[in-house]
Amino acid sequence: MTRRVILGVSGASGAALALDCARVLHAAGIGVELVLSAMAERTLALEIGPDARAELMALAGRVHPVVDLGAAIASGSFPVHGMIVAPCSMRSLAAIAQGLDDNLLTRAASVQLKERRPLVLLAREAPLTLAHLRNMTAATEMGAIVMPPVPAFYLRPETTAEITTQIAARAVDLLRIAPPTAHAWDPTEGNAP
């Protein structure tokens, strides 16, 4: 089976996370099945620039319209190794947690859960309401990995790009389909976990 992963991109702030996840997957030789929400496209342009969408699409093996609930990735019979939603808005998290498969992104996420495949949600919001926390709990109870994109400060990143690249690499590592690429904590470097 060809190694491939679904990358869902919602409209939360943190569009660089999507681009970095696609870069890490591409560098590992893993095919990307891409689905973007309408707000994701807007956020990519606002946060990164007009060329971000084109670069993201170039890194994808296939791009699926978010309204196409009949796309291959909406079926459990379509072989993928898992899915990352980066960033994952609270709206997308709520839909996934409650099984509201109202667009291709949330449907594809639900398929990963029902097929018991890895689903990594880079949930992006702060501060969190009780509804957000309950949705995170519900998604976790169903098997998702909720990974808020929190920097590994012990690595002493100097740029935002270093932060987003590390978070993206860690998200891909959680799928366990390629050798780890995220920089691991090393006690001999004098960093504290």
C-alpha atoms as a PDB file:
ATOM      1  CA  MET A   1       0.000   0.000   0.000  1.00  0.00           C
ATOM      2  CA  THR A   2       1.248   3.462  -0.874  1.00  0.00           C
ATOM      3  CA  ARG A   3       1.930   5.481   2.248  1.00  0.00           C
ATOM      4  CA  ARG A   4      -0.505   8.379   2.340  1.00  0.00           C
ATOM      5  CA  VAL A   5      -2.108  10.609   4.936  1.00  0.00           C
ATOM      6  CA  ILE A   6      -5.062  12.961   4.876  1.00  0.00           C
ATOM      7  CA  LEU A   7      -4.178  16.519   5.808  1.00  0.00           C
ATOM      8  CA  GLY A   8      -7.210  18.545   6.823  1.00  0.00           C
ATOM      9  CA  VAL A   9      -6.782  22.287   7.165  1.00  0.00           C
ATOM     10  CA  SER A  10      -9.435  24.291   8.995  1.00  0.00           C
ATOM     11  CA  GLY A  11      -9.711  28.043   9.350  1.00  0.00           C
ATOM     12  CA  ALA A  12      -8.111  28.442  12.778  1.00  0.00           C
ATOM     13  CA  SER A  13      -5.078  30.643  13.161  1.00  0.00           C
ATOM     14  CA  GLY A  14      -1.855  28.733  12.606  1.00  0.00           C
ATOM     15  CA  ALA A  15      -1.851  28.188   8.860  1.00  0.00           C
ATOM     16  CA  ALA A  16       1.922  27.687   8.940  1.00  0.00           C
ATOM     17  CA  LEU A  17       1.273  24.415  10.762  1.00  0.00           C
ATOM     18  CA  ALA A  18      -0.554  23.048   7.710  1.00  0.00           C
ATOM     19  CA  LEU A  19       2.227  24.013   5.352  1.00  0.00           C
ATOM     20  CA  ASP A  20       4.886  22.546   7.646  1.00  0.00           C
ATOM     21  CA  CYS A  21       2.939  19.283   8.063  1.00  0.00           C
ATOM     22  CA  ALA A  22       2.718  18.990   4.276  1.00  0.00           C
ATOM     23  CA  ARG A  23       6.454  19.666   3.972  1.00  0.00           C
ATOM     24  CA  VAL A  24       7.350  17.032   6.589  1.00  0.00           C
ATOM     25  CA  LEU A  25       5.055  14.444   4.997  1.00  0.00           C
ATOM     26  CA  HIS A  26       6.400  15.197   1.518  1.00  0.00           C
ATOM     27  CA  ALA A  27      10.021  14.977   2.720  1.00  0.00           C
ATOM     28  CA  ALA A  28       9.252  11.548   4.228  1.00  0.00           C
ATOM     29  CA  GLY A  29       7.832  10.332   0.913  1.00  0.00           C
ATOM     30  CA  ILE A  30       4.292  10.166   2.268  1.00  0.00           C
ATOM     31  CA  GLY A  31       1.478  11.129  -0.090  1.00  0.00           C
ATOM     32  CA  VAL A  32      -0.854  13.896   1.030  1.00  0.00           C
ATOM     33  CA  GLU A  33      -4.612  13.813   0.460  1.00  0.00           C
ATOM     34  CA  LEU A  34      -5.490  17.464   1.129  1.00  0.00           C
ATOM     35  CA  VAL A  35      -8.817  18.991   2.141  1.00  0.00           C
ATOM     36  CA  LEU A  36      -9.147  22.673   3.074  1.00  0.00           C
ATOM     37  CA  SER A  37     -12.097  24.526   4.523  1.00  0.00           C
ATOM     38  CA  ALA A  38     -13.097  27.852   2.967  1.00  0.00           C
ATOM     39  CA  MET A  39     -11.730  29.710   5.983  1.00  0.00           C
ATOM     40  CA  ALA A  40      -8.477  27.755   5.752  1.00  0.00           C
ATOM     41  CA  GLU A  41      -7.847  29.200   2.318  1.00  0.00           C
ATOM     42  CA  ARG A  42      -8.487  32.687   3.656  1.00  0.00           C
ATOM     43  CA  THR A  43      -6.263  32.147   6.699  1.00  0.00           C
ATOM     44  CA  LEU A  44      -3.417  30.814   4.538  1.00  0.00           C
ATOM     45  CA  ALA A  45      -3.489  34.016   2.502  1.00  0.00           C
ATOM     46  CA  LEU A  46      -3.772  36.277   5.554  1.00  0.00           C
ATOM     47  CA  GLU A  47      -1.097  34.628   7.705  1.00  0.00           C
ATOM     48  CA  ILE A  48       1.429  33.426   5.144  1.00  0.00           C
ATOM     49  CA  GLY A  49       0.713  35.235   1.894  1.00  0.00           C
ATOM     50  CA  PRO A  50      -0.823  34.725  -1.530  1.00  0.00           C
ATOM     51  CA  ASP A  51       1.588  31.939  -2.536  1.00  0.00           C
ATOM     52  CA  ALA A  52       0.873  29.713   0.481  1.00  0.00           C
ATOM     53  CA  ARG A  53      -2.127  27.971  -1.078  1.00  0.00           C
ATOM     54  CA  ALA A  54      -0.195  27.163  -4.243  1.00  0.00           C
ATOM     55  CA  GLU A  55       2.730  25.711  -2.287  1.00  0.00           C
ATOM     56  CA  LEU A  56       0.406  23.630  -0.115  1.00  0.00           C
ATOM     57  CA  MET A  57      -1.406  22.282  -3.157  1.00  0.00           C
ATOM     58  CA  ALA A  58       1.890  21.492  -4.888  1.00  0.00           C
ATOM     59  CA  LEU A  59       2.908  19.347  -1.900  1.00  0.00           C
ATOM     60  CA  ALA A  60      -0.358  17.401  -2.034  1.00  0.00           C
ATOM     61  CA  GLY A  61      -0.831  14.333  -4.172  1.00  0.00           C
ATOM     62  CA  ARG A  62      -4.512  15.148  -4.492  1.00  0.00           C
ATOM     63  CA  VAL A  63      -6.746  18.009  -3.363  1.00  0.00           C
ATOM     64  CA  HIS A  64     -10.353  17.280  -2.414  1.00  0.00           C
ATOM     65  CA  PRO A  65     -13.070  19.968  -2.319  1.00  0.00           C
ATOM     66  CA  VAL A  66     -14.419  20.322   1.224  1.00  0.00           C
ATOM     67  CA  VAL A  67     -17.995  20.056  -0.094  1.00  0.00           C
ATOM     68  CA  ASP A  68     -17.395  16.721  -1.857  1.00  0.00           C
ATOM     69  CA  LEU A  69     -18.785  14.187   0.611  1.00  0.00           C
ATOM     70  CA  GLY A  70     -18.477  11.568  -2.123  1.00  0.00           C
ATOM     71  CA  ALA A  71     -14.676  11.882  -2.344  1.00  0.00           C
ATOM     72  CA  ALA A  72     -12.529   8.788  -1.844  1.00  0.00           C
ATOM     73  CA  ILE A  73     -11.327   9.950   1.594  1.00  0.00           C
ATOM     74  CA  ALA A  74     -14.948   9.922   2.838  1.00  0.00           C
ATOM     75  CA  SER A  75     -14.882   6.109   2.751  1.00  0.00           C
ATOM     76  CA  GLY A  76     -13.249   3.707   5.160  1.00  0.00           C
ATOM     77  CA  SER A  77     -12.366   1.473   2.215  1.00  0.00           C
ATOM     78  CA  PHE A  78      -9.937   4.117   0.913  1.00  0.00           C
ATOM     79  CA  PRO A  79      -6.527   3.105   2.326  1.00  0.00           C
ATOM     80  CA  VAL A  80      -4.691   5.812   4.258  1.00  0.00           C
ATOM     81  CA  HIS A  81      -2.482   5.625   7.334  1.00  0.00           C
ATOM     82  CA  GLY A  82      -4.301   8.349   9.261  1.00  0.00           C
ATOM     83  CA  MET A  83      -5.112  12.021   9.296  1.00  0.00           C
ATOM     84  CA  ILE A  84      -3.810  15.261  10.726  1.00  0.00           C
ATOM     85  CA  VAL A  85      -6.008  18.348  11.098  1.00  0.00           C
ATOM     86  CA  ALA A  86      -3.637  21.293  11.257  1.00  0.00           C
ATOM     87  CA  PRO A  87      -4.732  23.662  12.527  1.00  0.00           C
ATOM     88  CA  CYS A  88      -7.971  22.325  13.967  1.00  0.00           C
ATOM     89  CA  SER A  89     -10.552  25.003  14.714  1.00  0.00           C
ATOM     90  CA  MET A  90     -12.893  24.615  17.656  1.00  0.00           C
ATOM     91  CA  ARG A  91     -15.748  24.326  15.155  1.00  0.00           C
ATOM     92  CA  SER A  92     -14.061  21.392  13.414  1.00  0.00           C
ATOM     93  CA  LEU A  93     -13.168  19.836  16.763  1.00  0.00           C
ATOM     94  CA  ALA A  94     -16.804  20.102  17.901  1.00  0.00           C
ATOM     95  CA  ALA A  95     -18.072  18.533  14.664  1.00  0.00           C
ATOM     96  CA  ILE A  96     -15.567  15.676  14.935  1.00  0.00           C
ATOM     97  CA  ALA A  97     -16.305  15.114  18.633  1.00  0.00           C
ATOM     98  CA  GLN A  98     -20.049  14.991  18.011  1.00  0.00           C
ATOM     99  CA  GLY A  99     -19.955  12.987  14.770  1.00  0.00           C
ATOM    100  CA  LEU A 100     -21.334  15.854  12.689  1.00  0.00           C
ATOM    101  CA  ASP A 101     -19.997  14.836   9.273  1.00  0.00           C
ATOM    102  CA  ASP A 102     -21.229  17.950   7.487  1.00  0.00           C
ATOM    103  CA  ASN A 103     -18.199  18.506   5.249  1.00  0.00           C
ATOM    104  CA  LEU A 104     -15.384  16.390   3.842  1.00  0.00           C
ATOM    105  CA  LEU A 105     -12.870  17.424   6.489  1.00  0.00           C
ATOM    106  CA  THR A 106     -15.063  16.319   9.404  1.00  0.00           C
ATOM    107  CA  ARG A 107     -16.295  13.238   7.516  1.00  0.00           C
ATOM    108  CA  ALA A 108     -12.728  12.113   6.767  1.00  0.00           C
ATOM    109  CA  ALA A 109     -11.829  12.588  10.442  1.00  0.00           C
ATOM    110  CA  SER A 110     -14.821  10.488  11.507  1.00  0.00           C
ATOM    111  CA  VAL A 111     -13.749   7.772   9.088  1.00  0.00           C
ATOM    112  CA  GLN A 112     -10.326   7.628  10.756  1.00  0.00           C
ATOM    113  CA  LEU A 113     -12.003   7.152  14.122  1.00  0.00           C
ATOM    114  CA  LYS A 114     -14.367   4.431  12.947  1.00  0.00           C
ATOM    115  CA  GLU A 115     -11.533   2.603  11.173  1.00  0.00           C
ATOM    116  CA  ARG A 116      -9.321   2.956  14.276  1.00  0.00           C
ATOM    117  CA  ARG A 117      -6.648   4.869  12.374  1.00  0.00           C
ATOM    118  CA  PRO A 118      -4.584   7.653  13.920  1.00  0.00           C
ATOM    119  CA  LEU A 119      -6.232  11.083  13.973  1.00  0.00           C
ATOM    120  CA  VAL A 120      -4.104  13.981  15.227  1.00  0.00           C
ATOM    121  CA  LEU A 121      -5.905  17.260  15.942  1.00  0.00           C
ATOM    122  CA  LEU A 122      -3.757  20.378  16.346  1.00  0.00           C
ATOM    123  CA  ALA A 123      -6.508  22.126  18.280  1.00  0.00           C
ATOM    124  CA  ARG A 124      -5.972  25.859  18.106  1.00  0.00           C
ATOM    125  CA  GLU A 125      -7.717  28.233  20.510  1.00  0.00           C
ATOM    126  CA  ALA A 126      -6.926  30.053  23.744  1.00  0.00           C
ATOM    127  CA  PRO A 127      -8.274  30.404  26.300  1.00  0.00           C
ATOM    128  CA  LEU A 128     -10.472  27.319  26.288  1.00  0.00           C
ATOM    129  CA  THR A 129     -14.133  27.179  27.261  1.00  0.00           C
ATOM    130  CA  LEU A 130     -15.731  24.220  28.994  1.00  0.00           C
ATOM    131  CA  ALA A 131     -17.315  23.271  25.641  1.00  0.00           C
ATOM    132  CA  HIS A 132     -13.842  23.142  24.043  1.00  0.00           C
ATOM    133  CA  LEU A 133     -12.515  20.957  26.853  1.00  0.00           C
ATOM    134  CA  ARG A 134     -15.497  18.611  26.689  1.00  0.00           C
ATOM    135  CA  ASN A 135     -15.088  18.263  22.925  1.00  0.00           C
ATOM    136  CA  MET A 136     -11.392  17.493  23.399  1.00  0.00           C
ATOM    137  CA  THR A 137     -12.320  14.837  25.943  1.00  0.00           C
ATOM    138  CA  ALA A 138     -14.950  13.330  23.632  1.00  0.00           C
ATOM    139  CA  ALA A 139     -12.540  13.221  20.690  1.00  0.00           C
ATOM    140  CA  THR A 140      -9.846  11.658  22.880  1.00  0.00           C
ATOM    141  CA  GLU A 141     -12.253   9.043  24.196  1.00  0.00           C
ATOM    142  CA  MET A 142     -13.001   8.062  20.584  1.00  0.00           C
ATOM    143  CA  GLY A 143      -9.306   7.605  19.844  1.00  0.00           C
ATOM    144  CA  ALA A 144      -8.132  10.960  18.511  1.00  0.00           C
ATOM    145  CA  ILE A 145      -4.899  12.536  19.696  1.00  0.00           C
ATOM    146  CA  VAL A 146      -5.523  16.164  20.667  1.00  0.00           C
ATOM    147  CA  MET A 147      -2.262  18.049  20.295  1.00  0.00           C
ATOM    148  CA  PRO A 148      -2.525  21.772  20.938  1.00  0.00           C
ATOM    149  CA  PRO A 149       0.363  23.404  19.053  1.00  0.00           C
ATOM    150  CA  VAL A 150       2.369  24.348  22.139  1.00  0.00           C
ATOM    151  CA  PRO A 151       6.043  25.172  21.534  1.00  0.00           C
ATOM    152  CA  ALA A 152       8.758  22.951  23.015  1.00  0.00           C
ATOM    153  CA  PHE A 153      10.439  25.842  24.787  1.00  0.00           C
ATOM    154  CA  TYR A 154      13.200  23.597  26.147  1.00  0.00           C
ATOM    155  CA  LEU A 155      14.523  23.395  22.583  1.00  0.00           C
ATOM    156  CA  ARG A 156      15.076  27.168  22.758  1.00  0.00           C
ATOM    157  CA  PRO A 157      13.558  28.029  19.359  1.00  0.00           C
ATOM    158  CA  GLU A 158      14.698  31.326  17.910  1.00  0.00           C
ATOM    159  CA  THR A 159      12.056  31.766  15.207  1.00  0.00           C
ATOM    160  CA  THR A 160       8.383  31.087  14.667  1.00  0.00           C
ATOM    161  CA  ALA A 161       9.403  28.819  11.773  1.00  0.00           C
ATOM    162  CA  GLU A 162      11.445  26.642  14.147  1.00  0.00           C
ATOM    163  CA  ILE A 163       8.403  26.339  16.404  1.00  0.00           C
ATOM    164  CA  THR A 164       5.942  25.402  13.651  1.00  0.00           C
ATOM    165  CA  THR A 165       8.374  22.970  12.010  1.00  0.00           C
ATOM    166  CA  GLN A 166       8.928  21.150  15.311  1.00  0.00           C
ATOM    167  CA  ILE A 167       5.188  20.959  16.029  1.00  0.00           C
ATOM    168  CA  ALA A 168       4.488  19.661  12.513  1.00  0.00           C
ATOM    169  CA  ALA A 169       7.244  17.047  12.779  1.00  0.00           C
ATOM    170  CA  ARG A 170       5.866  15.912  16.142  1.00  0.00           C
ATOM    171  CA  ALA A 171       2.350  15.604  14.679  1.00  0.00           C
ATOM    172  CA  VAL A 172       3.645  13.476  11.799  1.00  0.00           C
ATOM    173  CA  ASP A 173       5.691  11.377  14.240  1.00  0.00           C
ATOM    174  CA  LEU A 174       2.477  10.575  16.133  1.00  0.00           C
ATOM    175  CA  LEU A 175       1.178   8.761  13.040  1.00  0.00           C
ATOM    176  CA  ARG A 176       4.069   6.291  13.398  1.00  0.00           C
ATOM    177  CA  ILE A 177       4.454   5.649   9.672  1.00  0.00           C
ATOM    178  CA  ALA A 178       7.990   6.948   9.176  1.00  0.00           C
ATOM    179  CA  PRO A 179      11.123   7.347  11.286  1.00  0.00           C
ATOM    180  CA  PRO A 180      10.715  10.218  13.780  1.00  0.00           C
ATOM    181  CA  THR A 181      11.904  13.622  12.576  1.00  0.00           C
ATOM    182  CA  ALA A 182      10.969  15.910  15.478  1.00  0.00           C
ATOM    183  CA  HIS A 183      13.914  17.103  17.529  1.00  0.00           C
ATOM    184  CA  ALA A 184      13.852  15.055  20.723  1.00  0.00           C
ATOM    185  CA  TRP A 185      14.809  16.300  24.130  1.00  0.00           C
ATOM    186  CA  ASP A 186      18.375  15.346  24.938  1.00  0.00           C
ATOM    187  CA  PRO A 187      19.467  15.646  28.586  1.00  0.00           C
ATOM    188  CA  THR A 188      23.113  15.953  27.494  1.00  0.00           C
ATOM    189  CA  GLU A 189      22.307  19.231  25.720  1.00  0.00           C
ATOM    190  CA  GLY A 190      21.459  20.889  29.033  1.00  0.00           C
ATOM    191  CA  ASN A 191      17.796  21.432  28.175  1.00  0.00           C
ATOM    192  CA  ALA A 192      15.114  20.675  30.704  1.00  0.00           C
ATOM    193  CA  PRO A 193      11.907  18.871  29.650  1.00  0.00           C
END
